[in-house]
Amino acid sequence: MPEFLKLKSVNEARAVFYQALGEVHPGAEWIPSLSALGRVTAESVVAQEYLPAFSRSAMDGYAVQAADTFGASESLPLRLKIVGELPMGAEPALVLHPGEAALIHTGGMLAQGVDAVVALENCRALSSLVLEVFTPVTSGENVIFKGEDVKPGKVVIPAGKRIRSAEVGGLFSLGVTQVSVVQKPLFGILSSGDEVVPPTAIPSIGQVRDINSESLAAVVEAAGGRYQFYPIVPDNREQLRQSIRLAYQQSDAVLITAGSSVSSRDITAELIHELGQPGVLVHGINIRPGKPTILAVCNGKPVIGMPGNPMSALVIAELFLKPLVAWMLGEINPAPRPMLQARLTVNLPSQVGKEEWLPVRLVPRGAEWLAEPIFFKSNLIFQLADAAGLLHIEPDATGKMAGEMVDVLIF
């Protein structure tokens, strides 16, 4: 078993953790496409038809043969014969010949002989039979051809893709009303400590309500996972062992809050290490806040010992828990984390060699944002709730100066 609190950098801890996790093989389920927002595809979605299914106009205007418009200008407009209007929702009966034009609406099907559309603002009907064109168009201009978006056999949504509103619309455009998605991983969440009571309880003197379990559950759910709570465990080795083992057996991953600091009563790391190989990989990360974090992989199953202070737990959740949920979902190329450049309002000293994440408010000022640090005490939850994001100070920095542009990770 490793000697605890030999601190690793964030990158070192992440590399060791994911190397031990290896490849992911999540289960799958079929769900209605309308319920698929935020889910991750388990199988690639392959088009079975053309999209669009027919060539159509991209705007309101007049369907033409592009060659008939060459040389048209405001001073010397070209005249074409209007031969009718192309219907919406039906196949046109007319055939367009050289020198002719037909009124068409956005989405209307092109008639035979049409290869471009002149926008309404670039032409004028002198009468029901005569059209003046002021701007030339090229072949294919202002039209969408059959299959220009999708052809049969094309992978339109790859496996491992998190479905957004655009993908939902795409599924229905192809008539795909059911989609195979990855089953949500189940995170077992438990807290320990003689002083910790459920949120529904009225704390006695010296007791505190458990807020980390609920906060972490919210992170898991927002990231695409499921959670299950386990009863709060007192500082008793055997009871904690039984609870951790139960959560480990019933869940895909385990989160344990508190019990990760160095003290005579801290046995969490030892009990995690008993669960399976390789066991505890990291106990202590060179980061502030969040140093006493435990990262373990036990027989392929991830287990994280989270810090007990809410701010510390949030930072570790942002850096390790959210990416872990994405990994367990088999998500490929997760969307980049939202980072914002903001101007720092005060000087911030920092310890060289330690990565820091500090909560900040974001205040608009003209075209830029100001980052106002919140000088927090890590167990005060509403100081955390007042923050819009976390300011990042690199481990090789001695601090940040007032007026400097800084990176802020948005919650």
Protein backbone atom coordinates (compact mmCIF):
# COMPACT_ATOMS: atom_id res chain seq x y z
CA MET A 1 0.00 0.00 0.00
CA PRO A 2 1.42 3.43 -0.91
CA GLU A 3 2.61 5.86 1.71
CA PHE A 4 -0.12 8.46 1.94
CA LEU A 5 0.18 12.17 1.28
CA LYS A 6 3.10 11.96 -1.12
CA LEU A 7 1.60 14.75 -3.18
CA LYS A 8 1.16 14.40 -6.94
CA SER A 9 0.40 17.19 -9.35
CA VAL A 10 -3.06 17.33 -10.88
CA ASN A 11 -1.72 16.04 -14.20
CA GLU A 12 0.25 13.23 -12.53
CA ALA A 13 -2.78 12.21 -10.47
CA ARG A 14 -5.03 12.25 -13.53
CA ALA A 15 -2.57 10.17 -15.58
CA VAL A 16 -2.12 7.51 -12.88
CA PHE A 17 -5.87 7.31 -12.27
CA TYR A 18 -6.93 6.88 -15.91
CA GLN A 19 -4.11 4.51 -16.73
CA ALA A 20 -5.45 2.18 -14.04
CA LEU A 21 -9.03 2.60 -15.22
CA GLY A 22 -8.20 1.49 -18.76
CA GLU A 23 -10.90 1.13 -21.40
CA VAL A 24 -14.57 1.57 -20.65
CA HIS A 25 -17.32 -0.84 -21.78
CA PRO A 26 -20.62 0.72 -20.70
CA GLY A 27 -23.99 -0.93 -21.15
CA ALA A 28 -26.65 0.42 -23.51
CA GLU A 29 -30.40 1.00 -23.64
CA TRP A 30 -32.90 2.21 -26.23
CA ILE A 31 -34.85 5.36 -25.40
CA PRO A 32 -37.15 7.76 -27.30
CA SER A 33 -35.15 10.32 -29.25
CA LEU A 34 -37.13 13.10 -27.56
CA SER A 35 -35.69 11.93 -24.21
CA ALA A 36 -32.12 11.69 -25.48
CA LEU A 37 -30.96 15.26 -24.72
CA GLY A 38 -27.72 15.07 -22.75
CA ARG A 39 -27.31 11.32 -23.20
CA VAL A 40 -24.34 9.67 -24.92
CA THR A 41 -24.86 7.46 -27.96
CA ALA A 42 -23.96 3.79 -27.52
CA GLU A 43 -24.13 3.05 -31.26
CA SER A 44 -23.49 5.18 -34.31
CA VAL A 45 -26.60 6.54 -36.02
CA VAL A 46 -26.41 5.83 -39.75
CA ALA A 47 -28.62 7.62 -42.26
CA GLN A 48 -31.00 5.43 -44.25
CA GLU A 49 -32.20 8.15 -46.61
CA TYR A 50 -31.25 11.39 -48.35
CA LEU A 51 -31.47 14.68 -46.47
CA PRO A 52 -32.92 16.76 -47.88
CA ALA A 53 -34.99 14.24 -49.76
CA PHE A 54 -35.36 16.61 -52.75
CA SER A 55 -33.60 19.67 -54.14
CA ARG A 56 -35.21 22.82 -52.76
CA SER A 57 -34.92 26.58 -52.42
CA ALA A 58 -32.97 28.10 -49.54
CA MET A 59 -34.94 31.35 -49.66
CA ASP A 60 -37.91 33.18 -51.11
CA GLY A 61 -37.28 34.30 -54.68
CA TYR A 62 -37.50 33.20 -58.30
CA ALA A 63 -36.28 29.85 -59.63
CA VAL A 64 -34.13 30.36 -62.72
CA GLN A 65 -31.42 28.91 -64.91
CA ALA A 66 -28.28 30.64 -63.66
CA ALA A 67 -26.90 31.25 -67.16
CA ASP A 68 -29.90 33.49 -67.89
CA THR A 69 -28.80 35.97 -65.22
CA PHE A 70 -25.18 36.48 -66.28
CA GLY A 71 -24.46 40.16 -66.90
CA ALA A 72 -27.43 41.44 -64.88
CA SER A 73 -26.88 44.67 -62.91
CA GLU A 74 -28.80 47.53 -61.28
CA SER A 75 -28.19 49.73 -64.29
CA LEU A 76 -28.81 47.01 -66.89
CA PRO A 77 -31.30 44.46 -65.47
CA LEU A 78 -32.11 41.34 -67.44
CA ARG A 79 -35.69 40.38 -68.13
CA LEU A 80 -37.11 36.87 -67.79
CA LYS A 81 -40.58 35.47 -68.46
CA ILE A 82 -42.54 34.50 -65.34
CA VAL A 83 -44.21 31.16 -66.04
CA GLY A 84 -45.89 30.50 -62.70
CA GLU A 85 -45.32 29.60 -59.07
CA LEU A 86 -43.76 26.40 -57.74
CA PRO A 87 -46.07 24.79 -55.15
CA MET A 88 -45.11 24.02 -51.53
CA GLY A 89 -45.43 20.41 -50.40
CA ALA A 90 -45.80 19.00 -53.88
CA GLU A 91 -43.72 18.09 -56.91
CA PRO A 92 -43.81 20.86 -59.56
CA ALA A 93 -45.52 19.95 -62.83
CA LEU A 94 -43.82 22.61 -64.94
CA VAL A 95 -40.40 22.41 -66.59
CA LEU A 96 -38.31 25.59 -66.63
CA HIS A 97 -36.82 26.52 -70.02
CA PRO A 98 -34.13 29.09 -70.86
CA GLY A 99 -35.36 32.65 -70.37
CA GLU A 100 -38.03 31.63 -67.85
CA ALA A 101 -38.49 32.13 -64.09
CA ALA A 102 -40.96 30.85 -61.50
CA LEU A 103 -41.84 32.19 -58.06
CA ILE A 104 -40.58 29.87 -55.29
CA HIS A 105 -40.72 29.94 -51.50
CA THR A 106 -38.18 28.81 -48.93
CA GLY A 107 -38.18 25.01 -48.84
CA GLY A 108 -40.06 24.69 -52.11
CA MET A 109 -39.05 21.86 -54.45
CA LEU A 110 -37.05 22.85 -57.52
CA ALA A 111 -38.65 22.20 -60.88
CA GLN A 112 -36.84 20.41 -63.68
CA GLY A 113 -34.45 22.83 -65.40
CA VAL A 114 -33.86 25.01 -62.29
CA ASP A 115 -30.31 25.31 -60.95
CA ALA A 116 -30.43 28.57 -58.93
CA VAL A 117 -32.74 31.01 -57.15
CA VAL A 118 -32.64 34.79 -57.35
CA ALA A 119 -33.49 36.33 -53.98
CA LEU A 120 -36.58 38.54 -53.93
CA GLU A 121 -34.54 41.62 -53.01
CA ASN A 122 -32.40 41.15 -56.13
CA CYS A 123 -35.23 41.18 -58.64
CA ARG A 124 -38.59 42.85 -59.37
CA ALA A 125 -41.76 41.64 -61.02
CA LEU A 126 -42.80 44.29 -63.52
CA SER A 127 -46.02 42.37 -64.13
CA SER A 128 -47.39 38.87 -63.70
CA LEU A 129 -45.34 37.86 -66.71
CA VAL A 130 -42.10 39.89 -66.60
CA LEU A 131 -39.27 39.69 -64.08
CA GLU A 132 -36.32 42.07 -63.89
CA VAL A 133 -33.11 40.58 -62.40
CA PHE A 134 -30.54 43.02 -60.94
CA THR A 135 -27.90 40.56 -59.66
CA PRO A 136 -26.50 37.49 -61.40
CA VAL A 137 -26.50 34.11 -59.64
CA THR A 138 -24.28 31.08 -60.15
CA SER A 139 -25.39 27.50 -60.54
CA GLY A 140 -26.32 26.13 -57.11
CA GLU A 141 -26.75 29.57 -55.51
CA ASN A 142 -29.56 29.84 -52.94
CA VAL A 143 -30.57 26.21 -53.40
CA ILE A 144 -29.99 23.03 -51.39
CA PHE A 145 -29.58 19.90 -53.47
CA LYS A 146 -30.90 16.44 -52.69
CA GLY A 147 -28.56 14.68 -50.27
CA GLU A 148 -26.37 17.77 -49.81
CA ASP A 149 -26.60 17.36 -46.01
CA VAL A 150 -26.79 13.57 -45.68
CA LYS A 151 -26.67 10.59 -48.01
CA PRO A 152 -27.69 7.00 -47.16
CA GLY A 153 -24.91 5.20 -45.29
CA LYS A 154 -23.41 8.31 -43.71
CA VAL A 155 -22.69 8.18 -39.96
CA VAL A 156 -24.57 11.25 -38.78
CA ILE A 157 -23.95 10.77 -35.05
CA PRO A 158 -20.98 8.62 -33.97
CA ALA A 159 -21.00 6.37 -30.93
CA GLY A 160 -19.79 8.21 -27.85
CA LYS A 161 -21.39 11.53 -28.83
CA ARG A 162 -23.31 13.53 -26.22
CA ILE A 163 -26.64 14.47 -27.76
CA ARG A 164 -27.51 18.16 -27.93
CA SER A 165 -30.63 19.88 -29.26
CA ALA A 166 -29.11 19.89 -32.78
CA GLU A 167 -28.68 16.11 -32.69
CA VAL A 168 -32.25 15.68 -31.43
CA GLY A 169 -33.49 17.68 -34.42
CA GLY A 170 -31.26 15.68 -36.75
CA LEU A 171 -32.63 12.38 -35.46
CA PHE A 172 -36.19 13.42 -36.16
CA SER A 173 -35.30 14.82 -39.59
CA LEU A 174 -34.34 11.25 -40.52
CA GLY A 175 -37.36 9.71 -38.82
CA VAL A 176 -35.22 8.17 -36.06
CA THR A 177 -37.54 8.11 -33.04
CA GLN A 178 -35.53 5.65 -30.91
CA VAL A 179 -31.81 5.85 -30.19
CA SER A 180 -29.34 3.57 -28.40
CA VAL A 181 -27.62 5.41 -25.54
CA VAL A 182 -25.14 4.49 -22.84
CA GLN A 183 -26.67 3.53 -19.53
CA LYS A 184 -26.03 6.16 -16.87
CA PRO A 185 -23.30 5.02 -14.46
CA LEU A 186 -24.42 4.68 -10.85
CA PHE A 187 -22.37 6.50 -8.23
CA GLY A 188 -22.68 5.33 -4.65
CA ILE A 189 -22.26 8.33 -2.32
CA LEU A 190 -21.63 8.12 1.41
CA SER A 191 -20.40 10.48 4.13
CA SER A 192 -18.63 9.71 7.36
CA GLY A 193 -18.05 11.51 10.64
CA ASP A 194 -19.52 11.56 14.14
CA GLU A 195 -20.45 15.22 13.67
CA VAL A 196 -22.33 14.75 10.37
CA VAL A 197 -26.14 14.44 10.36
CA PRO A 198 -28.66 14.19 7.47
CA PRO A 199 -29.94 17.44 5.92
CA THR A 200 -33.39 16.72 7.32
CA ALA A 201 -32.10 16.65 10.91
CA ILE A 202 -31.82 19.56 13.33
CA PRO A 203 -28.14 19.57 14.31
CA SER A 204 -27.18 19.51 17.95
CA ILE A 205 -24.29 21.61 19.20
CA GLY A 206 -21.13 20.43 17.43
CA GLN A 207 -23.01 18.73 14.59
CA VAL A 208 -23.32 19.80 10.93
CA ARG A 209 -25.69 18.84 8.17
CA ASP A 210 -24.29 16.73 5.36
CA ILE A 211 -24.23 18.95 2.27
CA ASN A 212 -21.42 17.35 0.31
CA SER A 213 -23.40 14.23 -0.56
CA GLU A 214 -26.19 16.28 -2.08
CA SER A 215 -23.78 18.66 -3.84
CA LEU A 216 -21.84 15.77 -5.36
CA ALA A 217 -25.08 14.08 -6.39
CA ALA A 218 -26.00 17.26 -8.27
CA VAL A 219 -22.62 17.23 -10.04
CA VAL A 220 -23.03 13.57 -11.01
CA GLU A 221 -26.56 14.10 -12.34
CA ALA A 222 -25.63 17.23 -14.30
CA ALA A 223 -22.70 15.36 -15.87
CA GLY A 224 -24.96 12.50 -17.01
CA GLY A 225 -24.76 9.93 -14.21
CA ARG A 226 -27.03 8.52 -11.51
CA TYR A 227 -26.47 8.40 -7.77
CA GLN A 228 -27.50 6.44 -4.73
CA PHE A 229 -27.06 7.69 -1.16
CA TYR A 230 -25.87 5.49 1.69
CA PRO A 231 -26.42 6.22 5.38
CA ILE A 232 -23.97 8.52 7.12
CA VAL A 233 -21.33 6.44 8.88
CA PRO A 234 -19.88 7.35 12.30
CA ASP A 235 -16.14 7.22 12.94
CA ASN A 236 -16.15 3.49 13.43
CA ARG A 237 -13.78 1.33 11.40
CA GLU A 238 -16.00 -1.72 11.01
CA GLN A 239 -19.18 0.23 10.21
CA LEU A 240 -17.30 2.29 7.64
CA ARG A 241 -15.84 -0.89 6.10
CA GLN A 242 -19.30 -2.45 5.74
CA SER A 243 -20.80 0.69 4.23
CA ILE A 244 -17.96 1.18 1.74
CA ARG A 245 -18.13 -2.46 0.69
CA LEU A 246 -21.90 -2.25 0.20
CA ALA A 247 -21.61 0.87 -1.94
CA TYR A 248 -18.78 -0.75 -3.91
CA GLN A 249 -20.85 -3.88 -4.60
CA GLN A 250 -23.98 -1.99 -5.64
CA SER A 251 -22.49 0.88 -7.67
CA ASP A 252 -20.38 1.52 -10.74
CA ALA A 253 -18.25 4.04 -8.83
CA VAL A 254 -18.01 5.19 -5.21
CA LEU A 255 -17.65 8.68 -3.72
CA ILE A 256 -16.77 9.00 -0.04
CA THR A 257 -16.79 12.42 1.59
CA ALA A 258 -14.55 13.29 4.54
CA GLY A 259 -12.20 10.77 6.13
CA SER A 260 -9.36 11.65 3.77
CA SER A 261 -7.21 13.88 5.99
CA VAL A 262 -4.25 12.61 7.97
CA SER A 263 -5.34 11.89 11.56
CA SER A 264 -5.50 9.02 14.00
CA ARG A 265 -9.15 8.46 13.06
CA ASP A 266 -8.60 8.45 9.31
CA ILE A 267 -9.01 4.92 8.03
CA THR A 268 -10.86 5.64 4.77
CA ALA A 269 -7.84 5.15 2.53
CA GLU A 270 -6.98 1.84 4.16
CA LEU A 271 -10.51 0.54 3.73
CA ILE A 272 -10.63 1.65 0.09
CA HIS A 273 -7.33 -0.12 -0.52
CA GLU A 274 -8.87 -3.38 0.74
CA LEU A 275 -11.52 -3.35 -2.00
CA GLY A 276 -9.35 -4.64 -4.84
CA GLN A 277 -6.31 -4.15 -7.05
CA PRO A 278 -4.48 -1.92 -7.61
CA GLY A 279 -6.23 0.01 -4.83
CA VAL A 280 -5.27 3.49 -3.72
CA LEU A 281 -3.20 5.22 -6.38
CA VAL A 282 -3.12 8.77 -5.08
CA HIS A 283 -3.55 10.10 -1.56
CA GLY A 284 -2.81 13.76 -1.71
CA ILE A 285 -2.75 16.16 -4.66
CA ASN A 286 -0.58 19.26 -4.86
CA ILE A 287 -3.54 21.57 -5.16
CA ARG A 288 -5.30 24.16 -3.06
CA PRO A 289 -8.01 23.53 -2.05
CA GLY A 290 -8.45 19.76 -2.30
CA LYS A 291 -5.09 18.39 -1.16
CA PRO A 292 -6.35 15.36 0.87
CA THR A 293 -8.02 13.66 -2.09
CA ILE A 294 -7.91 9.88 -2.57
CA LEU A 295 -8.00 8.36 -6.05
CA ALA A 296 -8.35 4.60 -6.29
CA VAL A 297 -9.21 1.91 -8.80
CA CYS A 298 -10.33 -1.36 -7.28
CA ASN A 299 -10.72 -4.22 -9.75
CA GLY A 300 -11.55 -1.74 -12.50
CA LYS A 301 -14.02 0.29 -10.42
CA PRO A 302 -13.20 3.93 -9.56
CA VAL A 303 -13.37 5.08 -5.94
CA ILE A 304 -12.74 8.68 -4.89
CA GLY A 305 -12.24 9.92 -1.34
CA MET A 306 -13.46 13.52 -1.51
CA PRO A 307 -12.33 16.28 0.86
CA GLY A 308 -14.87 17.18 3.51
CA ASN A 309 -14.91 20.94 3.00
CA PRO A 310 -17.46 22.06 0.38
CA MET A 311 -15.06 24.28 -1.56
CA SER A 312 -12.41 21.56 -1.67
CA ALA A 313 -14.99 19.00 -2.75
CA LEU A 314 -16.24 21.31 -5.52
CA VAL A 315 -12.77 21.86 -6.96
CA ILE A 316 -12.08 18.11 -7.02
CA ALA A 317 -15.51 17.52 -8.55
CA GLU A 318 -14.70 19.98 -11.36
CA LEU A 319 -11.25 18.53 -12.04
CA PHE A 320 -11.85 14.81 -11.49
CA LEU A 321 -15.52 13.88 -10.97
CA LYS A 322 -17.05 15.52 -14.06
CA PRO A 323 -14.38 14.06 -16.38
CA LEU A 324 -14.84 10.66 -14.70
CA VAL A 325 -18.57 10.64 -15.52
CA ALA A 326 -17.76 11.48 -19.15
CA TRP A 327 -15.17 8.67 -19.24
CA MET A 328 -17.64 6.14 -17.79
CA LEU A 329 -20.16 7.16 -20.44
CA GLY A 330 -17.59 6.46 -23.14
CA GLU A 331 -17.91 10.02 -24.38
CA ILE A 332 -15.53 10.86 -27.22
CA ASN A 333 -14.21 14.39 -27.52
CA PRO A 334 -16.17 15.89 -24.62
CA ALA A 335 -17.04 19.54 -25.08
CA PRO A 336 -14.30 21.84 -23.78
CA ARG A 337 -14.85 23.17 -20.28
CA PRO A 338 -16.19 26.74 -20.31
CA MET A 339 -13.22 29.05 -19.60
CA LEU A 340 -13.52 32.82 -19.54
CA GLN A 341 -10.83 35.48 -19.68
CA ALA A 342 -11.40 38.13 -17.01
CA ARG A 343 -9.41 41.01 -15.55
CA LEU A 344 -8.31 40.47 -11.96
CA THR A 345 -9.25 43.24 -9.52
CA VAL A 346 -6.66 42.62 -6.75
CA ASN A 347 -3.19 41.15 -6.27
CA LEU A 348 -3.19 37.43 -5.47
CA PRO A 349 -0.05 35.84 -3.99
CA SER A 350 0.50 32.12 -4.58
CA GLN A 351 2.87 29.40 -3.37
CA VAL A 352 5.21 28.28 -6.12
CA GLY A 353 4.81 24.60 -6.94
CA LYS A 354 1.16 24.38 -5.87
CA GLU A 355 -1.75 24.66 -8.28
CA GLU A 356 -4.55 26.85 -6.93
CA TRP A 357 -8.21 27.35 -7.79
CA LEU A 358 -9.94 30.29 -6.14
CA PRO A 359 -13.65 31.20 -6.29
CA VAL A 360 -14.44 34.50 -7.98
CA ARG A 361 -17.38 36.69 -8.79
CA LEU A 362 -17.65 37.90 -12.38
CA VAL A 363 -18.69 41.52 -12.82
CA PRO A 364 -19.35 42.99 -16.29
CA ARG A 365 -17.45 46.17 -17.19
CA GLY A 366 -17.96 47.38 -20.71
CA ALA A 367 -16.81 44.71 -23.14
CA GLU A 368 -14.90 42.71 -20.53
CA TRP A 369 -15.40 40.89 -17.23
CA LEU A 370 -13.83 41.64 -13.87
CA ALA A 371 -12.80 38.74 -11.63
CA GLU A 372 -13.35 39.56 -7.95
CA PRO A 373 -11.79 36.88 -5.70
CA ILE A 374 -13.87 35.56 -2.81
CA PHE A 375 -11.53 35.12 0.13
CA PHE A 376 -13.27 32.08 1.48
CA LYS A 377 -13.20 29.74 4.39
CA SER A 378 -13.74 26.41 2.71
CA ASN A 379 -16.60 25.14 4.88
CA LEU A 380 -18.86 28.16 4.25
CA ILE A 381 -21.25 27.03 1.54
CA PHE A 382 -22.88 30.36 0.67
CA GLN A 383 -19.52 31.95 0.00
CA LEU A 384 -19.22 29.22 -2.59
CA ALA A 385 -22.74 29.83 -3.89
CA ASP A 386 -21.77 33.46 -4.50
CA ALA A 387 -19.03 32.43 -6.93
CA ALA A 388 -19.46 32.29 -10.71
CA GLY A 389 -16.33 30.25 -11.33
CA LEU A 390 -12.84 29.25 -10.26
CA LEU A 391 -9.76 31.31 -11.04
CA HIS A 392 -6.77 29.17 -11.99
CA ILE A 393 -3.23 29.89 -10.75
CA GLU A 394 -0.61 27.67 -12.37
CA PRO A 395 1.82 25.79 -10.11
CA ASP A 396 4.84 27.65 -11.48
CA ALA A 397 3.33 31.08 -10.76
CA THR A 398 4.10 33.25 -7.74
CA GLY A 399 0.67 34.82 -7.98
CA LYS A 400 -1.42 37.10 -10.15
CA MET A 401 -1.32 40.88 -10.35
CA ALA A 402 -4.27 43.25 -10.28
CA GLY A 403 -5.22 44.17 -13.83
CA GLU A 404 -3.87 40.91 -15.25
CA MET A 405 -6.09 38.78 -17.50
CA VAL A 406 -6.79 35.43 -15.83
CA ASP A 407 -8.53 32.17 -16.75
CA VAL A 408 -11.78 31.43 -14.93
CA LEU A 409 -13.43 28.01 -15.09
CA ILE A 410 -17.17 28.64 -15.21
CA PHE A 411 -19.35 26.44 -12.99
